[in-house]
N, C-alpha and C. Protein backbone atom coordinates (compact mmCIF):
# COMPACT_ATOMS: atom_id res chain seq x y z
N MET A 1 84.64 12.31 -64.28
CA MET A 1 84.34 11.95 -65.66
C MET A 1 85.32 10.95 -66.26
N PRO A 2 86.63 11.06 -66.02
CA PRO A 2 87.52 10.03 -66.57
C PRO A 2 87.17 8.63 -66.09
N PHE A 3 86.79 8.52 -64.82
CA PHE A 3 86.44 7.21 -64.28
C PHE A 3 85.10 6.72 -64.82
N THR A 4 84.22 7.64 -65.19
CA THR A 4 82.96 7.25 -65.81
C THR A 4 83.22 6.58 -67.16
N THR A 5 84.08 7.19 -67.96
CA THR A 5 84.41 6.61 -69.27
C THR A 5 85.11 5.26 -69.10
N ALA A 6 86.06 5.20 -68.19
CA ALA A 6 86.79 3.95 -67.97
C ALA A 6 85.85 2.84 -67.48
N TRP A 7 84.95 3.18 -66.55
CA TRP A 7 84.00 2.18 -66.02
C TRP A 7 83.07 1.68 -67.12
N THR A 8 82.55 2.60 -67.92
CA THR A 8 81.62 2.21 -68.98
C THR A 8 82.27 1.21 -69.93
N GLY A 9 83.52 1.48 -70.32
CA GLY A 9 84.19 0.59 -71.25
C GLY A 9 84.69 -0.69 -70.62
N LEU A 10 85.44 -0.56 -69.54
CA LEU A 10 86.14 -1.72 -68.99
C LEU A 10 85.29 -2.59 -68.09
N ILE A 11 84.41 -2.00 -67.31
CA ILE A 11 83.62 -2.77 -66.35
C ILE A 11 82.25 -3.14 -66.93
N ASP A 12 81.52 -2.14 -67.40
CA ASP A 12 80.16 -2.39 -67.87
C ASP A 12 80.14 -3.18 -69.18
N ILE A 13 80.98 -2.80 -70.13
CA ILE A 13 80.96 -3.46 -71.43
C ILE A 13 81.90 -4.66 -71.47
N ALA A 14 83.17 -4.45 -71.13
CA ALA A 14 84.18 -5.51 -71.29
C ALA A 14 84.15 -6.56 -70.20
N LYS A 15 83.51 -6.21 -69.06
CA LYS A 15 83.50 -7.14 -67.91
C LYS A 15 84.92 -7.60 -67.58
N LEU A 16 85.81 -6.62 -67.45
CA LEU A 16 87.22 -6.90 -67.20
C LEU A 16 87.39 -7.77 -65.96
N ALA A 17 88.25 -8.78 -66.06
CA ALA A 17 88.43 -9.72 -64.96
C ALA A 17 89.91 -9.88 -64.64
N ALA A 18 90.18 -10.52 -63.52
CA ALA A 18 91.55 -10.75 -63.07
C ALA A 18 92.33 -11.49 -64.16
N LYS A 19 93.56 -11.03 -64.36
CA LYS A 19 94.53 -11.62 -65.31
C LYS A 19 94.22 -11.30 -66.76
N ASP A 20 93.13 -10.59 -67.05
CA ASP A 20 92.92 -10.10 -68.41
C ASP A 20 94.02 -9.10 -68.75
N THR A 21 94.50 -9.16 -69.97
CA THR A 21 95.42 -8.14 -70.45
C THR A 21 94.63 -7.09 -71.20
N VAL A 22 94.84 -5.81 -70.85
CA VAL A 22 94.14 -4.72 -71.51
C VAL A 22 95.16 -3.72 -72.04
N LEU A 23 95.04 -3.40 -73.31
CA LEU A 23 95.93 -2.46 -73.99
C LEU A 23 95.25 -1.10 -73.99
N ILE A 24 95.88 -0.10 -73.33
CA ILE A 24 95.25 1.20 -73.10
C ILE A 24 96.02 2.28 -73.84
N THR A 25 95.44 2.82 -74.93
CA THR A 25 96.10 3.90 -75.65
C THR A 25 95.79 5.24 -74.98
N ALA A 26 96.52 6.28 -75.38
CA ALA A 26 96.39 7.59 -74.72
C ALA A 26 96.47 7.41 -73.21
N ALA A 27 97.41 6.57 -72.77
CA ALA A 27 97.46 6.14 -71.37
C ALA A 27 97.79 7.27 -70.41
N SER A 28 98.43 8.34 -70.88
CA SER A 28 98.78 9.44 -69.99
C SER A 28 97.67 10.49 -69.90
N SER A 29 96.56 10.25 -70.60
CA SER A 29 95.40 11.15 -70.49
C SER A 29 94.65 10.87 -69.20
N GLY A 30 93.70 11.73 -68.87
CA GLY A 30 92.90 11.51 -67.67
C GLY A 30 92.16 10.19 -67.72
N VAL A 31 91.54 9.87 -68.86
CA VAL A 31 90.81 8.61 -69.00
C VAL A 31 91.78 7.43 -69.00
N GLY A 32 92.91 7.59 -69.69
CA GLY A 32 93.90 6.51 -69.72
C GLY A 32 94.40 6.15 -68.34
N LEU A 33 94.71 7.15 -67.53
CA LEU A 33 95.20 6.90 -66.17
C LEU A 33 94.10 6.28 -65.31
N ALA A 34 92.85 6.73 -65.51
CA ALA A 34 91.73 6.11 -64.78
C ALA A 34 91.58 4.64 -65.19
N ALA A 35 91.76 4.35 -66.47
CA ALA A 35 91.64 2.98 -66.96
C ALA A 35 92.74 2.08 -66.38
N ILE A 36 93.95 2.62 -66.26
CA ILE A 36 95.04 1.85 -65.65
C ILE A 36 94.69 1.50 -64.20
N GLN A 37 94.20 2.48 -63.45
CA GLN A 37 93.84 2.24 -62.04
C GLN A 37 92.70 1.23 -61.93
N MET A 38 91.74 1.32 -62.83
CA MET A 38 90.60 0.42 -62.79
C MET A 38 91.03 -1.01 -63.15
N ALA A 39 91.91 -1.12 -64.13
CA ALA A 39 92.42 -2.45 -64.49
C ALA A 39 93.15 -3.08 -63.30
N ARG A 40 93.96 -2.30 -62.61
CA ARG A 40 94.66 -2.79 -61.42
C ARG A 40 93.67 -3.21 -60.34
N GLN A 41 92.63 -2.43 -60.16
CA GLN A 41 91.61 -2.74 -59.16
C GLN A 41 90.99 -4.11 -59.42
N GLU A 42 90.85 -4.46 -60.71
CA GLU A 42 90.23 -5.73 -61.09
C GLU A 42 91.23 -6.88 -61.15
N GLY A 43 92.51 -6.58 -60.93
CA GLY A 43 93.52 -7.62 -61.03
C GLY A 43 93.93 -7.92 -62.45
N ALA A 44 93.58 -7.02 -63.38
CA ALA A 44 93.96 -7.18 -64.78
C ALA A 44 95.37 -6.63 -65.01
N ILE A 45 95.87 -6.80 -66.22
CA ILE A 45 97.24 -6.41 -66.56
C ILE A 45 97.19 -5.28 -67.59
N PRO A 46 97.38 -4.02 -67.17
CA PRO A 46 97.32 -2.91 -68.11
C PRO A 46 98.66 -2.69 -68.84
N ILE A 47 98.59 -2.65 -70.16
CA ILE A 47 99.75 -2.33 -70.99
C ILE A 47 99.51 -0.97 -71.63
N ALA A 48 100.49 -0.09 -71.53
CA ALA A 48 100.34 1.29 -71.99
C ALA A 48 101.25 1.58 -73.18
N PRO A 49 100.71 1.66 -74.39
CA PRO A 49 101.51 2.14 -75.51
C PRO A 49 101.66 3.66 -75.42
N THR A 50 102.84 4.17 -75.74
CA THR A 50 103.07 5.61 -75.80
C THR A 50 104.07 5.84 -76.93
N ARG A 51 103.99 6.98 -77.57
CA ARG A 51 104.82 7.17 -78.77
C ARG A 51 106.31 7.07 -78.46
N ARG A 52 106.73 7.77 -77.41
CA ARG A 52 108.15 7.75 -77.04
C ARG A 52 108.29 7.33 -75.59
N SER A 53 109.50 6.98 -75.20
CA SER A 53 109.72 6.41 -73.87
C SER A 53 109.81 7.46 -72.76
N GLY A 54 109.64 8.74 -73.10
CA GLY A 54 109.76 9.81 -72.10
C GLY A 54 108.76 9.71 -70.96
N LYS A 55 107.59 9.15 -71.23
CA LYS A 55 106.56 9.02 -70.20
C LYS A 55 106.55 7.63 -69.55
N ALA A 56 107.48 6.79 -69.93
CA ALA A 56 107.44 5.40 -69.48
C ALA A 56 107.50 5.27 -67.96
N ASP A 57 108.45 5.95 -67.32
CA ASP A 57 108.58 5.84 -65.86
C ASP A 57 107.32 6.32 -65.15
N ALA A 58 106.76 7.44 -65.62
CA ALA A 58 105.55 7.97 -64.99
C ALA A 58 104.37 7.00 -65.17
N LEU A 59 104.28 6.36 -66.32
CA LEU A 59 103.19 5.41 -66.55
C LEU A 59 103.35 4.17 -65.68
N LEU A 60 104.57 3.71 -65.52
CA LEU A 60 104.81 2.57 -64.63
C LEU A 60 104.47 2.92 -63.19
N GLN A 61 104.84 4.12 -62.76
CA GLN A 61 104.51 4.56 -61.40
C GLN A 61 103.00 4.72 -61.24
N ALA A 62 102.31 5.04 -62.33
CA ALA A 62 100.85 5.20 -62.28
C ALA A 62 100.12 3.86 -62.27
N GLY A 63 100.85 2.75 -62.47
CA GLY A 63 100.22 1.44 -62.37
C GLY A 63 100.29 0.57 -63.62
N ALA A 64 100.81 1.11 -64.72
CA ALA A 64 100.93 0.26 -65.92
C ALA A 64 101.87 -0.90 -65.63
N ALA A 65 101.48 -2.10 -66.05
CA ALA A 65 102.36 -3.26 -65.85
C ALA A 65 103.51 -3.24 -66.84
N HIS A 66 103.24 -2.73 -68.05
CA HIS A 66 104.25 -2.64 -69.09
C HIS A 66 103.98 -1.38 -69.91
N VAL A 67 105.04 -0.80 -70.46
CA VAL A 67 104.93 0.36 -71.35
C VAL A 67 105.63 0.02 -72.65
N ILE A 68 104.98 0.34 -73.77
CA ILE A 68 105.57 0.10 -75.09
C ILE A 68 105.74 1.43 -75.80
N ALA A 69 106.97 1.83 -76.08
CA ALA A 69 107.24 3.04 -76.87
C ALA A 69 107.08 2.67 -78.34
N THR A 70 105.99 3.12 -78.95
CA THR A 70 105.61 2.62 -80.27
C THR A 70 106.52 3.11 -81.39
N GLU A 71 107.28 4.19 -81.15
CA GLU A 71 108.23 4.64 -82.15
C GLU A 71 109.54 3.86 -82.06
N GLU A 72 109.66 3.03 -81.03
CA GLU A 72 110.88 2.25 -80.83
C GLU A 72 110.64 0.75 -80.97
N LYS A 73 109.41 0.31 -80.69
CA LYS A 73 109.11 -1.12 -80.73
C LYS A 73 107.77 -1.35 -81.41
N ASP A 74 107.60 -2.52 -81.98
CA ASP A 74 106.37 -2.89 -82.66
C ASP A 74 105.33 -3.34 -81.63
N VAL A 75 104.17 -2.69 -81.63
CA VAL A 75 103.13 -2.97 -80.64
C VAL A 75 102.68 -4.43 -80.70
N GLU A 76 102.39 -4.91 -81.89
CA GLU A 76 101.90 -6.28 -82.02
C GLU A 76 102.92 -7.27 -81.47
N GLU A 77 104.16 -7.13 -81.86
CA GLU A 77 105.19 -8.06 -81.41
C GLU A 77 105.40 -7.99 -79.90
N GLU A 78 105.39 -6.77 -79.34
CA GLU A 78 105.61 -6.62 -77.90
C GLU A 78 104.46 -7.18 -77.09
N VAL A 79 103.23 -6.94 -77.52
CA VAL A 79 102.08 -7.46 -76.79
C VAL A 79 102.09 -8.99 -76.84
N LYS A 80 102.40 -9.55 -77.98
CA LYS A 80 102.47 -11.01 -78.07
C LYS A 80 103.58 -11.56 -77.17
N ARG A 81 104.70 -10.85 -77.13
CA ARG A 81 105.80 -11.30 -76.26
C ARG A 81 105.37 -11.27 -74.80
N LEU A 82 104.67 -10.21 -74.41
CA LEU A 82 104.26 -10.04 -73.02
C LEU A 82 103.12 -10.97 -72.60
N THR A 83 102.41 -11.51 -73.58
CA THR A 83 101.25 -12.35 -73.28
C THR A 83 101.45 -13.80 -73.74
N ASP A 84 102.69 -14.20 -73.92
CA ASP A 84 102.99 -15.56 -74.39
C ASP A 84 102.27 -15.89 -75.69
N GLY A 85 102.21 -14.90 -76.57
CA GLY A 85 101.64 -15.10 -77.89
C GLY A 85 100.14 -14.98 -77.99
N LYS A 86 99.45 -14.75 -76.87
CA LYS A 86 97.98 -14.74 -76.88
C LYS A 86 97.40 -13.42 -77.38
N GLY A 87 98.01 -12.30 -77.01
CA GLY A 87 97.44 -11.00 -77.32
C GLY A 87 96.60 -10.47 -76.18
N ALA A 88 96.16 -9.24 -76.30
CA ALA A 88 95.34 -8.59 -75.26
C ALA A 88 93.87 -8.94 -75.44
N ARG A 89 93.20 -9.31 -74.35
CA ARG A 89 91.76 -9.61 -74.48
C ARG A 89 90.96 -8.35 -74.78
N VAL A 90 91.39 -7.20 -74.21
CA VAL A 90 90.67 -5.94 -74.40
C VAL A 90 91.64 -4.87 -74.89
N VAL A 91 91.22 -4.13 -75.91
CA VAL A 91 91.92 -2.93 -76.34
C VAL A 91 91.00 -1.75 -76.04
N PHE A 92 91.54 -0.76 -75.32
CA PHE A 92 90.78 0.43 -74.91
C PHE A 92 91.41 1.60 -75.64
N ASP A 93 90.82 1.96 -76.79
CA ASP A 93 91.50 2.86 -77.73
C ASP A 93 90.85 4.24 -77.83
N ALA A 94 91.71 5.26 -77.76
CA ALA A 94 91.26 6.63 -77.92
C ALA A 94 91.89 7.31 -79.13
N VAL A 95 92.67 6.57 -79.91
CA VAL A 95 93.49 7.20 -80.96
C VAL A 95 92.96 6.91 -82.35
N GLY A 96 92.76 5.64 -82.69
CA GLY A 96 92.35 5.30 -84.04
C GLY A 96 93.45 5.59 -85.04
N GLY A 97 93.09 5.94 -86.26
CA GLY A 97 94.07 6.27 -87.27
C GLY A 97 94.86 5.07 -87.74
N PRO A 98 96.04 5.30 -88.31
CA PRO A 98 96.84 4.21 -88.87
C PRO A 98 97.24 3.15 -87.83
N SER A 99 97.32 3.55 -86.56
CA SER A 99 97.74 2.59 -85.52
C SER A 99 96.64 1.58 -85.18
N PHE A 100 95.41 1.84 -85.64
CA PHE A 100 94.29 0.96 -85.28
C PHE A 100 94.53 -0.47 -85.73
N ALA A 101 95.08 -0.63 -86.93
CA ALA A 101 95.33 -1.98 -87.45
C ALA A 101 96.31 -2.74 -86.57
N LYS A 102 97.33 -2.06 -86.06
CA LYS A 102 98.31 -2.70 -85.17
C LYS A 102 97.63 -3.15 -83.88
N LEU A 103 96.72 -2.35 -83.37
CA LEU A 103 96.02 -2.71 -82.14
C LEU A 103 95.16 -3.96 -82.36
N VAL A 104 94.48 -4.00 -83.50
CA VAL A 104 93.67 -5.17 -83.82
C VAL A 104 94.54 -6.42 -83.89
N CYS A 105 95.72 -6.29 -84.50
CA CYS A 105 96.62 -7.44 -84.63
C CYS A 105 97.21 -7.85 -83.29
N ALA A 106 97.16 -6.96 -82.30
CA ALA A 106 97.68 -7.29 -80.96
C ALA A 106 96.60 -7.86 -80.04
N THR A 107 95.40 -8.07 -80.57
CA THR A 107 94.27 -8.55 -79.79
C THR A 107 94.19 -10.07 -79.83
N SER A 108 93.74 -10.67 -78.75
CA SER A 108 93.63 -12.13 -78.67
C SER A 108 92.43 -12.64 -79.45
N MET A 109 92.36 -13.93 -79.63
CA MET A 109 91.17 -14.55 -80.22
C MET A 109 89.95 -14.20 -79.37
N ASP A 110 88.85 -13.89 -80.04
CA ASP A 110 87.60 -13.50 -79.38
C ASP A 110 87.77 -12.24 -78.52
N GLY A 111 88.74 -11.42 -78.86
CA GLY A 111 88.99 -10.20 -78.09
C GLY A 111 88.00 -9.09 -78.41
N LEU A 112 88.14 -8.01 -77.64
CA LEU A 112 87.22 -6.88 -77.75
C LEU A 112 88.03 -5.60 -77.93
N VAL A 113 87.71 -4.84 -78.98
CA VAL A 113 88.34 -3.55 -79.23
C VAL A 113 87.30 -2.47 -78.98
N LEU A 114 87.56 -1.62 -77.98
CA LEU A 114 86.64 -0.55 -77.60
C LEU A 114 87.19 0.80 -78.04
N THR A 115 86.36 1.60 -78.68
CA THR A 115 86.75 2.94 -79.12
C THR A 115 85.80 3.95 -78.50
N TYR A 116 86.37 4.94 -77.79
CA TYR A 116 85.50 5.93 -77.17
C TYR A 116 85.76 7.35 -77.67
N VAL A 117 86.83 7.55 -78.42
CA VAL A 117 87.11 8.83 -79.07
C VAL A 117 88.18 8.54 -80.12
N VAL A 118 88.31 9.42 -81.11
CA VAL A 118 89.32 9.24 -82.16
C VAL A 118 90.18 10.50 -82.20
N LEU A 119 91.37 10.42 -81.61
CA LEU A 119 92.25 11.58 -81.54
C LEU A 119 93.04 11.79 -82.83
N SER A 120 93.29 10.72 -83.56
CA SER A 120 94.06 10.84 -84.80
C SER A 120 93.25 11.58 -85.85
N LYS A 121 93.93 12.42 -86.62
CA LYS A 121 93.27 13.13 -87.72
C LYS A 121 93.34 12.35 -89.03
N GLU A 122 94.02 11.21 -88.98
CA GLU A 122 94.15 10.37 -90.17
C GLU A 122 93.08 9.27 -90.15
N MET A 123 92.81 8.75 -91.32
CA MET A 123 91.78 7.71 -91.46
C MET A 123 92.22 6.43 -90.77
N ASN A 124 91.26 5.72 -90.18
CA ASN A 124 91.54 4.38 -89.64
C ASN A 124 91.83 3.41 -90.79
N SER A 125 92.80 2.56 -90.57
CA SER A 125 92.96 1.43 -91.47
C SER A 125 92.26 0.25 -90.81
N PHE A 126 91.49 -0.49 -91.58
CA PHE A 126 90.66 -1.56 -91.00
C PHE A 126 91.14 -2.92 -91.51
N PRO A 127 91.79 -3.70 -90.65
CA PRO A 127 92.31 -5.00 -91.07
C PRO A 127 91.23 -6.08 -91.00
N ALA A 128 90.37 -6.11 -92.00
CA ALA A 128 89.20 -6.98 -91.97
C ALA A 128 89.57 -8.46 -91.81
N ILE A 129 90.63 -8.89 -92.46
CA ILE A 129 91.01 -10.31 -92.37
C ILE A 129 91.37 -10.69 -90.93
N GLN A 130 92.10 -9.80 -90.25
CA GLN A 130 92.47 -10.08 -88.86
C GLN A 130 91.23 -10.11 -87.96
N VAL A 131 90.29 -9.21 -88.21
CA VAL A 131 89.04 -9.19 -87.43
C VAL A 131 88.30 -10.52 -87.61
N LEU A 132 88.24 -11.00 -88.83
CA LEU A 132 87.54 -12.26 -89.09
C LEU A 132 88.27 -13.45 -88.48
N ARG A 133 89.57 -13.51 -88.70
CA ARG A 133 90.33 -14.66 -88.20
C ARG A 133 90.32 -14.74 -86.68
N ARG A 134 90.35 -13.59 -86.03
CA ARG A 134 90.42 -13.57 -84.56
C ARG A 134 89.04 -13.54 -83.91
N ARG A 135 87.99 -13.45 -84.74
CA ARG A 135 86.61 -13.41 -84.22
C ARG A 135 86.44 -12.23 -83.25
N LEU A 136 86.90 -11.07 -83.67
CA LEU A 136 86.92 -9.91 -82.79
C LEU A 136 85.58 -9.18 -82.77
N THR A 137 85.34 -8.51 -81.64
CA THR A 137 84.24 -7.56 -81.53
C THR A 137 84.85 -6.16 -81.47
N ILE A 138 84.39 -5.28 -82.35
CA ILE A 138 84.84 -3.88 -82.34
C ILE A 138 83.62 -3.04 -82.00
N ARG A 139 83.75 -2.27 -80.94
CA ARG A 139 82.57 -1.55 -80.44
C ARG A 139 82.95 -0.12 -80.03
N GLY A 140 82.11 0.81 -80.41
CA GLY A 140 82.24 2.19 -79.94
C GLY A 140 81.27 2.44 -78.81
N PHE A 141 81.60 3.43 -77.98
CA PHE A 141 80.68 3.79 -76.90
C PHE A 141 80.94 5.22 -76.46
N ALA A 142 79.99 5.78 -75.76
CA ALA A 142 80.14 7.11 -75.16
C ALA A 142 79.68 7.04 -73.71
N ALA A 143 80.33 7.81 -72.85
CA ALA A 143 80.02 7.76 -71.42
C ALA A 143 78.60 8.20 -71.12
N ASN A 144 78.01 9.02 -72.00
CA ASN A 144 76.63 9.48 -71.70
C ASN A 144 75.63 8.34 -71.74
N SER A 145 76.00 7.19 -72.32
CA SER A 145 75.11 6.03 -72.27
C SER A 145 74.95 5.53 -70.85
N THR A 146 75.95 5.79 -70.00
CA THR A 146 75.85 5.45 -68.58
C THR A 146 75.10 6.54 -67.82
N LEU A 147 75.43 7.78 -68.11
CA LEU A 147 74.83 8.90 -67.38
C LEU A 147 73.33 9.03 -67.64
N ASP A 148 72.88 8.54 -68.80
CA ASP A 148 71.46 8.65 -69.15
C ASP A 148 70.62 7.46 -68.70
N ASP A 149 71.24 6.51 -68.02
CA ASP A 149 70.54 5.29 -67.59
C ASP A 149 70.66 5.18 -66.07
N ASP A 150 69.55 5.29 -65.37
CA ASP A 150 69.58 5.34 -63.90
C ASP A 150 70.24 4.11 -63.28
N ALA A 151 69.92 2.93 -63.80
CA ALA A 151 70.47 1.71 -63.21
C ALA A 151 71.98 1.65 -63.39
N ARG A 152 72.45 2.00 -64.58
CA ARG A 152 73.89 1.98 -64.83
C ARG A 152 74.59 3.08 -64.05
N LEU A 153 73.95 4.23 -63.93
CA LEU A 153 74.54 5.34 -63.16
C LEU A 153 74.69 4.94 -61.70
N ASN A 154 73.71 4.25 -61.14
CA ASN A 154 73.82 3.80 -59.75
C ASN A 154 74.93 2.76 -59.59
N ALA A 155 75.07 1.87 -60.59
CA ALA A 155 76.15 0.88 -60.55
C ALA A 155 77.51 1.57 -60.63
N LEU A 156 77.60 2.58 -61.48
CA LEU A 156 78.82 3.37 -61.60
C LEU A 156 79.20 4.00 -60.26
N LYS A 157 78.24 4.65 -59.62
CA LYS A 157 78.51 5.31 -58.34
C LYS A 157 78.95 4.30 -57.29
N SER A 158 78.28 3.15 -57.26
CA SER A 158 78.62 2.12 -56.27
C SER A 158 80.04 1.61 -56.46
N TYR A 159 80.53 1.68 -57.68
CA TYR A 159 81.88 1.19 -57.98
C TYR A 159 82.93 2.28 -57.75
N ILE A 160 82.66 3.48 -58.26
CA ILE A 160 83.70 4.53 -58.26
C ILE A 160 83.83 5.25 -56.92
N LEU A 161 82.73 5.59 -56.29
CA LEU A 161 82.80 6.42 -55.08
C LEU A 161 83.61 5.77 -53.96
N PRO A 162 83.44 4.47 -53.67
CA PRO A 162 84.30 3.85 -52.65
C PRO A 162 85.78 3.88 -53.04
N GLY A 163 86.06 3.71 -54.33
CA GLY A 163 87.45 3.76 -54.79
C GLY A 163 88.07 5.14 -54.61
N LEU A 164 87.29 6.18 -54.87
CA LEU A 164 87.77 7.54 -54.65
C LEU A 164 87.98 7.81 -53.17
N ALA A 165 87.04 7.32 -52.35
CA ALA A 165 87.14 7.54 -50.90
C ALA A 165 88.35 6.82 -50.29
N SER A 166 88.65 5.61 -50.80
CA SER A 166 89.75 4.83 -50.24
C SER A 166 91.11 5.24 -50.78
N GLY A 167 91.10 5.98 -51.89
CA GLY A 167 92.37 6.36 -52.52
C GLY A 167 92.81 5.38 -53.58
N ALA A 168 92.03 4.32 -53.82
CA ALA A 168 92.38 3.37 -54.89
C ALA A 168 92.30 4.05 -56.25
N PHE A 169 91.36 4.99 -56.38
CA PHE A 169 91.23 5.79 -57.59
C PHE A 169 91.65 7.23 -57.28
N LYS A 170 92.61 7.72 -58.03
CA LYS A 170 93.12 9.07 -57.80
C LYS A 170 93.15 9.85 -59.11
N PRO A 171 92.25 10.83 -59.27
CA PRO A 171 92.31 11.66 -60.48
C PRO A 171 93.65 12.41 -60.54
N ARG A 172 94.19 12.51 -61.72
CA ARG A 172 95.48 13.18 -61.90
C ARG A 172 95.27 14.47 -62.70
N ILE A 173 95.69 15.60 -62.13
CA ILE A 173 95.59 16.88 -62.82
C ILE A 173 96.99 17.27 -63.29
N ALA A 174 97.13 17.45 -64.61
CA ALA A 174 98.43 17.81 -65.18
C ALA A 174 98.73 19.29 -64.93
N LYS A 175 97.78 20.16 -65.28
CA LYS A 175 97.94 21.61 -65.09
C LYS A 175 96.57 22.24 -64.95
N THR A 176 96.56 23.38 -64.26
CA THR A 176 95.33 24.17 -64.13
C THR A 176 95.56 25.54 -64.74
N TYR A 177 94.60 26.00 -65.54
CA TYR A 177 94.69 27.31 -66.19
C TYR A 177 93.46 28.15 -65.82
N PRO A 178 93.62 29.44 -65.64
CA PRO A 178 92.44 30.30 -65.52
C PRO A 178 91.76 30.41 -66.88
N PHE A 179 90.46 30.74 -66.88
CA PHE A 179 89.70 30.74 -68.12
C PHE A 179 90.28 31.71 -69.15
N ASP A 180 90.85 32.83 -68.69
CA ASP A 180 91.39 33.79 -69.67
C ASP A 180 92.69 33.31 -70.31
N SER A 181 93.18 32.14 -69.89
CA SER A 181 94.35 31.54 -70.54
C SER A 181 93.97 30.27 -71.31
N ILE A 182 92.72 30.24 -71.80
CA ILE A 182 92.22 29.05 -72.48
C ILE A 182 93.06 28.70 -73.71
N VAL A 183 93.59 29.71 -74.39
CA VAL A 183 94.42 29.44 -75.57
C VAL A 183 95.69 28.70 -75.15
N ASP A 184 96.30 29.12 -74.05
CA ASP A 184 97.49 28.44 -73.55
C ASP A 184 97.17 27.00 -73.14
N ALA A 185 95.99 26.80 -72.57
CA ALA A 185 95.58 25.45 -72.17
C ALA A 185 95.47 24.54 -73.40
N HIS A 186 94.89 25.07 -74.49
CA HIS A 186 94.77 24.28 -75.71
C HIS A 186 96.14 23.99 -76.32
N ARG A 187 97.01 24.96 -76.28
CA ARG A 187 98.36 24.75 -76.81
C ARG A 187 99.10 23.67 -76.01
N TYR A 188 98.90 23.68 -74.70
CA TYR A 188 99.53 22.66 -73.86
C TYR A 188 98.98 21.27 -74.20
N LEU A 189 97.66 21.19 -74.39
CA LEU A 189 97.06 19.92 -74.78
C LEU A 189 97.63 19.42 -76.11
N GLU A 190 97.75 20.33 -77.05
CA GLU A 190 98.24 19.95 -78.38
C GLU A 190 99.71 19.57 -78.37
N SER A 191 100.44 20.00 -77.35
CA SER A 191 101.86 19.65 -77.26
C SER A 191 102.08 18.20 -76.85
N ASN A 192 101.02 17.57 -76.33
CA ASN A 192 101.07 16.18 -75.87
C ASN A 192 102.06 15.98 -74.71
N GLN A 193 102.28 17.00 -73.93
CA GLN A 193 103.17 16.89 -72.78
C GLN A 193 102.42 16.50 -71.51
N GLN A 194 101.10 16.64 -71.49
CA GLN A 194 100.33 16.47 -70.27
C GLN A 194 100.34 15.06 -69.77
N PHE A 195 100.21 14.93 -68.47
CA PHE A 195 100.08 13.63 -67.82
C PHE A 195 98.89 13.76 -66.87
N GLY A 196 97.72 13.44 -67.36
CA GLY A 196 96.49 13.65 -66.60
C GLY A 196 95.63 14.69 -67.28
N LYS A 197 94.63 15.16 -66.54
CA LYS A 197 93.67 16.13 -67.06
C LYS A 197 94.22 17.56 -67.01
N VAL A 198 93.83 18.35 -67.99
CA VAL A 198 94.09 19.79 -67.97
C VAL A 198 92.79 20.46 -67.54
N VAL A 199 92.86 21.24 -66.47
CA VAL A 199 91.67 21.85 -65.87
C VAL A 199 91.66 23.35 -66.12
N VAL A 200 90.51 23.87 -66.51
CA VAL A 200 90.34 25.31 -66.69
C VAL A 200 89.35 25.79 -65.63
N THR A 201 89.77 26.81 -64.89
CA THR A 201 88.92 27.34 -63.82
C THR A 201 88.30 28.66 -64.24
N THR A 202 87.16 28.98 -63.62
CA THR A 202 86.48 30.23 -63.95
C THR A 202 86.55 31.19 -62.77
């Protein structure tokens, strides 16, 4: 499932290509890690914002080209520095909230901002002037749009299954909990310590 979401956004919609810079929020989540691997597969440059630098080494080992600790550095300034002032062609966002405006400002001219979930409990700030000046496309999507379409589902399988078989794509499991410990699993998720998917078994 993480690779389904990443494929729908980055491959099917964004048509990610070699040397594209893609800014991936919630990068230590299952979908975020899948997106990093997929960007690498395409020869793109994945940049991973994270609140603090504690996960930086793990994200770099997972394939991120650069990590930005957002509580220590300004996302817009860092992305511009890393891209020679151009910005990221694609933003793959799972957070929204007040940080959304910063992501928009870190996007290149004619860039694409993709939203597939909103983890923040705060309202999005919408920088309309930046959207207009940069000629941006902001688009939401859900993975079920792929699963409900036979042609897209077949394209997804043709892309992901060989990657899983070769080891190019590796799902990351942070922790596994038995079903009777579901409360502990939710608490772990809410702690934001996970690196990968949290799995509950029955």
